[in-house]
Amino acid sequence: MDYLRKDMSDIRHSTEALCAEMRALTAELCAEMNGLKAELRARMAALERRFDRMDVRVNWLIGIVVTSSIATVGAVAGAFWGLLQSLR
């Protein structure tokens, strides 16, 4: 019976050592994940600022295209109107 008690004691110590090692590895993994999460948030914030700047530029581009389209349609309509007036 003594050898069984000794074996059980050895198993208990091995299990406790394994649990302690798993806790340490889990804590290390959590710390690494928190660091990666912070880095990802920083990158996402930088990307969001880029999209904000790009959004402003796209709005300007759309405004320029719409304005030039209206000017072109007006010029063509004016030329057509002038041609109709000269044919009368």
PDB file of N, CA and C in Angstrom:
ATOM      1  N   MET A   1       0.812  -1.202   0.000  1.00  0.00           N
ATOM      2  CA  MET A   1       0.000   0.000   0.000  1.00  0.00           C
ATOM      3  C   MET A   1       0.854   1.263   0.000  1.00  0.00           C
ATOM      4  N   ASP A   2       2.029   1.146   0.605  1.00  0.00           N
ATOM      5  CA  ASP A   2       2.893   2.323   0.644  1.00  0.00           C
ATOM      6  C   ASP A   2       3.316   2.762  -0.750  1.00  0.00           C
ATOM      7  N   TYR A   3       3.598   1.798  -1.600  1.00  0.00           N
ATOM      8  CA  TYR A   3       4.022   2.179  -2.955  1.00  0.00           C
ATOM      9  C   TYR A   3       2.868   2.834  -3.719  1.00  0.00           C
ATOM     10  N   LEU A   4       1.610   2.401  -3.453  1.00  0.00           N
ATOM     11  CA  LEU A   4       0.466   3.055  -4.081  1.00  0.00           C
ATOM     12  C   LEU A   4       0.317   4.496  -3.593  1.00  0.00           C
ATOM     13  N   ARG A   5       0.517   4.691  -2.292  1.00  0.00           N
ATOM     14  CA  ARG A   5       0.443   6.048  -1.757  1.00  0.00           C
ATOM     15  C   ARG A   5       1.541   6.925  -2.360  1.00  0.00           C
ATOM     16  N   LYS A   6       2.731   6.345  -2.487  1.00  0.00           N
ATOM     17  CA  LYS A   6       3.850   7.093  -3.079  1.00  0.00           C
ATOM     18  C   LYS A   6       3.552   7.425  -4.540  1.00  0.00           C
ATOM     19  N   ASP A   7       3.019   6.468  -5.276  1.00  0.00           N
ATOM     20  CA  ASP A   7       2.668   6.712  -6.684  1.00  0.00           C
ATOM     21  C   ASP A   7       1.577   7.776  -6.801  1.00  0.00           C
ATOM     22  N   MET A   8       0.565   7.696  -5.934  1.00  0.00           N
ATOM     23  CA  MET A   8      -0.500   8.696  -5.942  1.00  0.00           C
ATOM     24  C   MET A   8       0.044  10.078  -5.600  1.00  0.00           C
ATOM     25  N   SER A   9       0.963  10.118  -4.648  1.00  0.00           N
ATOM     26  CA  SER A   9       1.590  11.385  -4.276  1.00  0.00           C
ATOM     27  C   SER A   9       2.398  11.944  -5.441  1.00  0.00           C
ATOM     28  N   ASP A  10       3.141  11.071  -6.134  1.00  0.00           N
ATOM     29  CA  ASP A  10       3.911  11.495  -7.308  1.00  0.00           C
ATOM     30  C   ASP A  10       2.987  12.011  -8.416  1.00  0.00           C
ATOM     31  N   ILE A  11       1.878  11.312  -8.623  1.00  0.00           N
ATOM     32  CA  ILE A  11       0.913  11.742  -9.646  1.00  0.00           C
ATOM     33  C   ILE A  11       0.320  13.095  -9.264  1.00  0.00           C
ATOM     34  N   ARG A  12      -0.002  13.252  -7.973  1.00  0.00           N
ATOM     35  CA  ARG A  12      -0.567  14.523  -7.511  1.00  0.00           C
ATOM     36  C   ARG A  12       0.427  15.666  -7.733  1.00  0.00           C
ATOM     37  N   HIS A  13       1.701  15.444  -7.405  1.00  0.00           N
ATOM     38  CA  HIS A  13       2.723  16.476  -7.597  1.00  0.00           C
ATOM     39  C   HIS A  13       2.924  16.781  -9.081  1.00  0.00           C
ATOM     40  N   SER A  14       2.913  15.737  -9.894  1.00  0.00           N
ATOM     41  CA  SER A  14       3.049  15.940 -11.341  1.00  0.00           C
ATOM     42  C   SER A  14       1.869  16.737 -11.884  1.00  0.00           C
ATOM     43  N   THR A  15       0.674  16.413 -11.413  1.00  0.00           N
ATOM     44  CA  THR A  15      -0.520  17.126 -11.853  1.00  0.00           C
ATOM     45  C   THR A  15      -0.469  18.585 -11.418  1.00  0.00           C
ATOM     46  N   GLU A  16      -0.046  18.832 -10.190  1.00  0.00           N
ATOM     47  CA  GLU A  16       0.060  20.206  -9.709  1.00  0.00           C
ATOM     48  C   GLU A  16       1.098  20.990 -10.493  1.00  0.00           C
ATOM     49  N   ALA A  17       2.225  20.340 -10.814  1.00  0.00           N
ATOM     50  CA  ALA A  17       3.258  21.005 -11.615  1.00  0.00           C
ATOM     51  C   ALA A  17       2.731  21.305 -13.013  1.00  0.00           C
ATOM     52  N   LEU A  18       1.995  20.354 -13.575  1.00  0.00           N
ATOM     53  CA  LEU A  18       1.415  20.563 -14.897  1.00  0.00           C
ATOM     54  C   LEU A  18       0.395  21.700 -14.869  1.00  0.00           C
ATOM     55  N   CYS A  19      -0.429  21.765 -13.835  1.00  0.00           N
ATOM     56  CA  CYS A  19      -1.407  22.849 -13.697  1.00  0.00           C
ATOM     57  C   CYS A  19      -0.709  24.201 -13.568  1.00  0.00           C
ATOM     58  N   ALA A  20       0.358  24.251 -12.791  1.00  0.00           N
ATOM     59  CA  ALA A  20       1.101  25.500 -12.632  1.00  0.00           C
ATOM     60  C   ALA A  20       1.720  25.934 -13.957  1.00  0.00           C
ATOM     61  N   GLU A  21       2.262  24.967 -14.701  1.00  0.00           N
ATOM     62  CA  GLU A  21       2.850  25.289 -16.009  1.00  0.00           C
ATOM     63  C   GLU A  21       1.777  25.770 -16.982  1.00  0.00           C
ATOM     64  N   MET A  22       0.604  25.138 -16.954  1.00  0.00           N
ATOM     65  CA  MET A  22      -0.488  25.557 -17.831  1.00  0.00           C
ATOM     66  C   MET A  22      -0.972  26.962 -17.462  1.00  0.00           C
ATOM     67  N   ARG A  23      -1.037  27.274 -16.170  1.00  0.00           N
ATOM     68  CA  ARG A  23      -1.423  28.622 -15.751  1.00  0.00           C
ATOM     69  C   ARG A  23      -0.424  29.652 -16.254  1.00  0.00           C
ATOM     70  N   ALA A  24       0.866  29.324 -16.142  1.00  0.00           N
ATOM     71  CA  ALA A  24       1.904  30.253 -16.603  1.00  0.00           C
ATOM     72  C   ALA A  24       1.805  30.457 -18.113  1.00  0.00           C
ATOM     73  N   LEU A  25       1.607  29.373 -18.854  1.00  0.00           N
ATOM     74  CA  LEU A  25       1.489  29.486 -20.309  1.00  0.00           C
ATOM     75  C   LEU A  25       0.229  30.253 -20.704  1.00  0.00           C
ATOM     76  N   THR A  26      -0.855  30.024 -19.981  1.00  0.00           N
ATOM     77  CA  THR A  26      -2.093  30.747 -20.264  1.00  0.00           C
ATOM     78  C   THR A  26      -1.928  32.238 -19.987  1.00  0.00           C
ATOM     79  N   ALA A  27      -1.266  32.572 -18.893  1.00  0.00           N
ATOM     80  CA  ALA A  27      -1.031  33.988 -18.581  1.00  0.00           C
ATOM     81  C   ALA A  27      -0.145  34.630 -19.646  1.00  0.00           C
ATOM     82  N   GLU A  28       0.874  33.903 -20.096  1.00  0.00           N
ATOM     83  CA  GLU A  28       1.760  34.414 -21.146  1.00  0.00           C
ATOM     84  C   GLU A  28       0.996  34.620 -22.447  1.00  0.00           C
ATOM     85  N   LEU A  29       0.150  33.656 -22.782  1.00  0.00           N
ATOM     86  CA  LEU A  29      -0.657  33.765 -23.998  1.00  0.00           C
ATOM     87  C   LEU A  29      -1.627  34.942 -23.909  1.00  0.00           C
ATOM     88  N   CYS A  30      -2.247  35.134 -22.752  1.00  0.00           N
ATOM     89  CA  CYS A  30      -3.170  36.264 -22.569  1.00  0.00           C
ATOM     90  C   CYS A  30      -2.435  37.598 -22.713  1.00  0.00           C
ATOM     91  N   ALA A  31      -1.234  37.688 -22.153  1.00  0.00           N
ATOM     92  CA  ALA A  31      -0.459  38.926 -22.270  1.00  0.00           C
ATOM     93  C   ALA A  31      -0.098  39.196 -23.731  1.00  0.00           C
ATOM     94  N   GLU A  32       0.286  38.149 -24.450  1.00  0.00           N
ATOM     95  CA  GLU A  32       0.638  38.315 -25.864  1.00  0.00           C
ATOM     96  C   GLU A  32      -0.589  38.723 -26.680  1.00  0.00           C
ATOM     97  N   MET A  33      -1.732  38.110 -26.386  1.00  0.00           N
ATOM     98  CA  MET A  33      -2.961  38.456 -27.095  1.00  0.00           C
ATOM     99  C   MET A  33      -3.380  39.902 -26.809  1.00  0.00           C
ATOM    100  N   ASN A  34      -3.210  40.355 -25.567  1.00  0.00           N
ATOM    101  CA  ASN A  34      -3.536  41.743 -25.241  1.00  0.00           C
ATOM    102  C   ASN A  34      -2.631  42.705 -26.002  1.00  0.00           C
ATOM    103  N   GLY A  35      -1.353  42.360 -26.135  1.00  0.00           N
ATOM    104  CA  GLY A  35      -0.435  43.189 -26.919  1.00  0.00           C
ATOM    105  C   GLY A  35      -0.832  43.244 -28.376  1.00  0.00           C
ATOM    106  N   LEU A  36      -1.196  42.093 -28.934  1.00  0.00           N
ATOM    107  CA  LEU A  36      -1.624  42.055 -30.330  1.00  0.00           C
ATOM    108  C   LEU A  36      -2.928  42.822 -30.530  1.00  0.00           C
ATOM    109  N   LYS A  37      -3.812  42.741 -29.551  1.00  0.00           N
ATOM    110  CA  LYS A  37      -5.074  43.473 -29.640  1.00  0.00           C
ATOM    111  C   LYS A  37      -4.827  44.982 -29.633  1.00  0.00           C
ATOM    112  N   ALA A  38      -3.917  45.435 -28.801  1.00  0.00           N
ATOM    113  CA  ALA A  38      -3.592  46.861 -28.753  1.00  0.00           C
ATOM    114  C   ALA A  38      -2.959  47.309 -30.074  1.00  0.00           C
ATOM    115  N   GLU A  39      -2.081  46.474 -30.627  1.00  0.00           N
ATOM    116  CA  GLU A  39      -1.450  46.807 -31.903  1.00  0.00           C
ATOM    117  C   GLU A  39      -2.487  46.859 -33.024  1.00  0.00           C
ATOM    118  N   LEU A  40      -3.419  45.925 -33.007  1.00  0.00           N
ATOM    119  CA  LEU A  40      -4.469  45.911 -34.027  1.00  0.00           C
ATOM    120  C   LEU A  40      -5.355  47.146 -33.919  1.00  0.00           C
ATOM    121  N   ARG A  41      -5.677  47.555 -32.694  1.00  0.00           N
ATOM    122  CA  ARG A  41      -6.488  48.764 -32.522  1.00  0.00           C
ATOM    123  C   ARG A  41      -5.758  49.998 -33.051  1.00  0.00           C
ATOM    124  N   ALA A  42      -4.449  50.068 -32.810  1.00  0.00           N
ATOM    125  CA  ALA A  42      -3.670  51.203 -33.304  1.00  0.00           C
ATOM    126  C   ALA A  42      -3.658  51.218 -34.832  1.00  0.00           C
ATOM    127  N   ARG A  43      -3.487  50.049 -35.424  1.00  0.00           N
ATOM    128  CA  ARG A  43      -3.488  49.980 -36.893  1.00  0.00           C
ATOM    129  C   ARG A  43      -4.856  50.333 -37.468  1.00  0.00           C
ATOM    130  N   MET A  44      -5.915  49.881 -36.810  1.00  0.00           N
ATOM    131  CA  MET A  44      -7.259  50.195 -37.286  1.00  0.00           C
ATOM    132  C   MET A  44      -7.543  51.695 -37.170  1.00  0.00           C
ATOM    133  N   ALA A  45      -7.057  52.332 -36.126  1.00  0.00           N
ATOM    134  CA  ALA A  45      -7.244  53.779 -35.981  1.00  0.00           C
ATOM    135  C   ALA A  45      -6.510  54.520 -37.096  1.00  0.00           C
ATOM    136  N   ALA A  46      -5.287  54.074 -37.421  1.00  0.00           N
ATOM    137  CA  ALA A  46      -4.535  54.702 -38.515  1.00  0.00           C
ATOM    138  C   ALA A  46      -5.262  54.498 -39.839  1.00  0.00           C
ATOM    139  N   LEU A  47      -5.800  53.309 -40.043  1.00  0.00           N
ATOM    140  CA  LEU A  47      -6.533  53.024 -41.272  1.00  0.00           C
ATOM    141  C   LEU A  47      -7.808  53.859 -41.356  1.00  0.00           C
ATOM    142  N   GLU A  48      -8.459  54.058 -40.237  1.00  0.00           N
ATOM    143  CA  GLU A  48      -9.666  54.884 -40.210  1.00  0.00           C
ATOM    144  C   GLU A  48      -9.347  56.336 -40.580  1.00  0.00           C
ATOM    145  N   ARG A  49      -8.210  56.844 -40.097  1.00  0.00           N
ATOM    146  CA  ARG A  49      -7.815  58.208 -40.469  1.00  0.00           C
ATOM    147  C   ARG A  49      -7.537  58.300 -41.965  1.00  0.00           C
ATOM    148  N   ARG A  50      -6.915  57.263 -42.533  1.00  0.00           N
ATOM    149  CA  ARG A  50      -6.671  57.270 -43.984  1.00  0.00           C
ATOM    150  C   ARG A  50      -7.982  57.288 -44.753  1.00  0.00           C
ATOM    151  N   PHE A  51      -8.943  56.478 -44.319  1.00  0.00           N
ATOM    152  CA  PHE A  51     -10.242  56.450 -45.001  1.00  0.00           C
ATOM    153  C   PHE A  51     -10.961  57.784 -44.878  1.00  0.00           C
ATOM    154  N   ASP A  52     -10.815  58.447 -43.750  1.00  0.00           N
ATOM    155  CA  ASP A  52     -11.431  59.767 -43.593  1.00  0.00           C
ATOM    156  C   ASP A  52     -10.845  60.757 -44.592  1.00  0.00           C
ATOM    157  N   ARG A  53      -9.517  60.743 -44.743  1.00  0.00           N
ATOM    158  CA  ARG A  53      -8.881  61.635 -45.725  1.00  0.00           C
ATOM    159  C   ARG A  53      -9.309  61.276 -47.137  1.00  0.00           C
ATOM    160  N   MET A  54      -9.390  59.977 -47.429  1.00  0.00           N
ATOM    161  CA  MET A  54      -9.788  59.545 -48.762  1.00  0.00           C
ATOM    162  C   MET A  54     -11.241  59.930 -49.034  1.00  0.00           C
ATOM    163  N   ASP A  55     -12.080  59.868 -48.024  1.00  0.00           N
ATOM    164  CA  ASP A  55     -13.482  60.243 -48.175  1.00  0.00           C
ATOM    165  C   ASP A  55     -13.609  61.706 -48.595  1.00  0.00           C
ATOM    166  N   VAL A  56     -12.820  62.569 -47.987  1.00  0.00           N
ATOM    167  CA  VAL A  56     -12.842  63.989 -48.346  1.00  0.00           C
ATOM    168  C   VAL A  56     -12.407  64.165 -49.795  1.00  0.00           C
ATOM    169  N   ARG A  57     -11.364  63.444 -50.188  1.00  0.00           N
ATOM    170  CA  ARG A  57     -10.877  63.564 -51.573  1.00  0.00           C
ATOM    171  C   ARG A  57     -11.897  63.048 -52.582  1.00  0.00           C
ATOM    172  N   VAL A  58     -12.575  61.955 -52.246  1.00  0.00           N
ATOM    173  CA  VAL A  58     -13.598  61.421 -53.144  1.00  0.00           C
ATOM    174  C   VAL A  58     -14.756  62.407 -53.265  1.00  0.00           C
ATOM    175  N   ASN A  59     -15.138  63.046 -52.173  1.00  0.00           N
ATOM    176  CA  ASN A  59     -16.203  64.058 -52.243  1.00  0.00           C
ATOM    177  C   ASN A  59     -15.802  65.198 -53.157  1.00  0.00           C
ATOM    178  N   TRP A  60     -14.560  65.661 -53.054  1.00  0.00           N
ATOM    179  CA  TRP A  60     -14.084  66.715 -53.953  1.00  0.00           C
ATOM    180  C   TRP A  60     -14.125  66.240 -55.399  1.00  0.00           C
ATOM    181  N   LEU A  61     -13.674  65.027 -55.646  1.00  0.00           N
ATOM    182  CA  LEU A  61     -13.650  64.491 -57.006  1.00  0.00           C
ATOM    183  C   LEU A  61     -15.061  64.391 -57.582  1.00  0.00           C
ATOM    184  N   ILE A  62     -15.994  63.914 -56.801  1.00  0.00           N
ATOM    185  CA  ILE A  62     -17.387  63.818 -57.261  1.00  0.00           C
ATOM    186  C   ILE A  62     -17.939  65.206 -57.556  1.00  0.00           C
ATOM    187  N   GLY A  63     -17.639  66.187 -56.717  1.00  0.00           N
ATOM    188  CA  GLY A  63     -18.085  67.555 -56.958  1.00  0.00           C
ATOM    189  C   GLY A  63     -17.520  68.120 -58.248  1.00  0.00           C
ATOM    190  N   ILE A  64     -16.248  67.861 -58.495  1.00  0.00           N
ATOM    191  CA  ILE A  64     -15.617  68.357 -59.729  1.00  0.00           C
ATOM    192  C   ILE A  64     -16.236  67.695 -60.952  1.00  0.00           C
ATOM    193  N   VAL A  65     -16.468  66.388 -60.891  1.00  0.00           N
ATOM    194  CA  VAL A  65     -17.053  65.670 -62.029  1.00  0.00           C
ATOM    195  C   VAL A  65     -18.473  66.154 -62.297  1.00  0.00           C
ATOM    196  N   VAL A  66     -19.270  66.324 -61.259  1.00  0.00           N
ATOM    197  CA  VAL A  66     -20.652  66.794 -61.446  1.00  0.00           C
ATOM    198  C   VAL A  66     -20.653  68.210 -62.014  1.00  0.00           C
ATOM    199  N   THR A  67     -19.802  69.080 -61.490  1.00  0.00           N
ATOM    200  CA  THR A  67     -19.740  70.466 -61.979  1.00  0.00           C
ATOM    201  C   THR A  67     -19.298  70.515 -63.436  1.00  0.00           C
ATOM    202  N   SER A  68     -18.282  69.730 -63.795  1.00  0.00           N
ATOM    203  CA  SER A  68     -17.824  69.748 -65.188  1.00  0.00           C
ATOM    204  C   SER A  68     -18.872  69.132 -66.111  1.00  0.00           C
ATOM    205  N   SER A  69     -19.604  68.133 -65.623  1.00  0.00           N
ATOM    206  CA  SER A  69     -20.675  67.545 -66.448  1.00  0.00           C
ATOM    207  C   SER A  69     -21.781  68.571 -66.699  1.00  0.00           C
ATOM    208  N   ILE A  70     -22.168  69.298 -65.667  1.00  0.00           N
ATOM    209  CA  ILE A  70     -23.192  70.333 -65.830  1.00  0.00           C
ATOM    210  C   ILE A  70     -22.703  71.423 -66.779  1.00  0.00           C
ATOM    211  N   ALA A  71     -21.440  71.808 -66.653  1.00  0.00           N
ATOM    212  CA  ALA A  71     -20.886  72.833 -67.551  1.00  0.00           C
ATOM    213  C   ALA A  71     -20.859  72.340 -68.991  1.00  0.00           C
ATOM    214  N   THR A  72     -20.511  71.070 -69.195  1.00  0.00           N
ATOM    215  CA  THR A  72     -20.469  70.515 -70.550  1.00  0.00           C
ATOM    216  C   THR A  72     -21.871  70.449 -71.148  1.00  0.00           C
ATOM    217  N   VAL A  73     -22.827  69.988 -70.369  1.00  0.00           N
ATOM    218  CA  VAL A  73     -24.214  69.927 -70.855  1.00  0.00           C
ATOM    219  C   VAL A  73     -24.714  71.335 -71.164  1.00  0.00           C
ATOM    220  N   GLY A  74     -24.376  72.301 -70.320  1.00  0.00           N
ATOM    221  CA  GLY A  74     -24.780  73.689 -70.580  1.00  0.00           C
ATOM    222  C   GLY A  74     -24.142  74.239 -71.846  1.00  0.00           C
ATOM    223  N   ALA A  75     -22.868  73.924 -72.071  1.00  0.00           N
ATOM    224  CA  ALA A  75     -22.194  74.410 -73.284  1.00  0.00           C
ATOM    225  C   ALA A  75     -22.798  73.784 -74.533  1.00  0.00           C
ATOM    226  N   VAL A  76     -23.094  72.484 -74.467  1.00  0.00           N
ATOM    227  CA  VAL A  76     -23.704  71.814 -75.623  1.00  0.00           C
ATOM    228  C   VAL A  76     -25.115  72.362 -75.856  1.00  0.00           C
ATOM    229  N   ALA A  77     -25.866  72.571 -74.793  1.00  0.00           N
ATOM    230  CA  ALA A  77     -27.215  73.124 -74.934  1.00  0.00           C
ATOM    231  C   ALA A  77     -27.152  74.542 -75.485  1.00  0.00           C
ATOM    232  N   GLY A  78     -26.186  75.342 -75.023  1.00  0.00           N
ATOM    233  CA  GLY A  78     -26.033  76.701 -75.539  1.00  0.00           C
ATOM    234  C   GLY A  78     -25.649  76.706 -77.003  1.00  0.00           C
ATOM    235  N   ALA A  79     -24.757  75.808 -77.401  1.00  0.00           N
ATOM    236  CA  ALA A  79     -24.369  75.725 -78.817  1.00  0.00           C
ATOM    237  C   ALA A  79     -25.559  75.288 -79.667  1.00  0.00           C
ATOM    238  N   PHE A  80     -26.314  74.309 -79.166  1.00  0.00           N
ATOM    239  CA  PHE A  80     -27.484  73.850 -79.903  1.00  0.00           C
ATOM    240  C   PHE A  80     -28.531  74.959 -80.011  1.00  0.00           C
ATOM    241  N   TRP A  81     -28.730  75.711 -78.945  1.00  0.00           N
ATOM    242  CA  TRP A  81     -29.683  76.822 -78.955  1.00  0.00           C
ATOM    243  C   TRP A  81     -29.224  77.903 -79.943  1.00  0.00           C
ATOM    244  N   GLY A  82     -27.920  78.180 -79.946  1.00  0.00           N
ATOM    245  CA  GLY A  82     -27.397  79.164 -80.895  1.00  0.00           C
ATOM    246  C   GLY A  82     -27.573  78.704 -82.332  1.00  0.00           C
ATOM    247  N   LEU A  83     -27.377  77.398 -82.572  1.00  0.00           N
ATOM    248  CA  LEU A  83     -27.579  76.844 -83.917  1.00  0.00           C
ATOM    249  C   LEU A  83     -29.049  76.939 -84.320  1.00  0.00           C
ATOM    250  N   LEU A  84     -29.948  76.670 -83.407  1.00  0.00           N
ATOM    251  CA  LEU A  84     -31.384  76.806 -83.715  1.00  0.00           C
ATOM    252  C   LEU A  84     -31.763  78.255 -83.984  1.00  0.00           C
ATOM    253  N   GLN A  85     -31.178  79.214 -83.246  1.00  0.00           N
ATOM    254  CA  GLN A  85     -31.484  80.611 -83.477  1.00  0.00           C
ATOM    255  C   GLN A  85     -30.955  81.085 -84.818  1.00  0.00           C
ATOM    256  N   SER A  86     -29.821  80.563 -85.249  1.00  0.00           N
ATOM    257  CA  SER A  86     -29.268  81.013 -86.531  1.00  0.00           C
ATOM    258  C   SER A  86     -30.024  80.400 -87.709  1.00  0.00           C
ATOM    259  N   LEU A  87     -30.726  79.307 -87.517  1.00  0.00           N
ATOM    260  CA  LEU A  87     -31.493  78.683 -88.604  1.00  0.00           C
ATOM    261  C   LEU A  87     -32.848  79.358 -88.812  1.00  0.00           C
ATOM    262  N   ARG A  88     -33.303  80.159 -87.914  1.00  0.00           N
ATOM    263  CA  ARG A  88     -34.607  80.813 -88.035  1.00  0.00           C
ATOM    264  C   ARG A  88     -34.553  81.870 -89.016  1.00  0.00           C
TER     265      ARG A  88
END
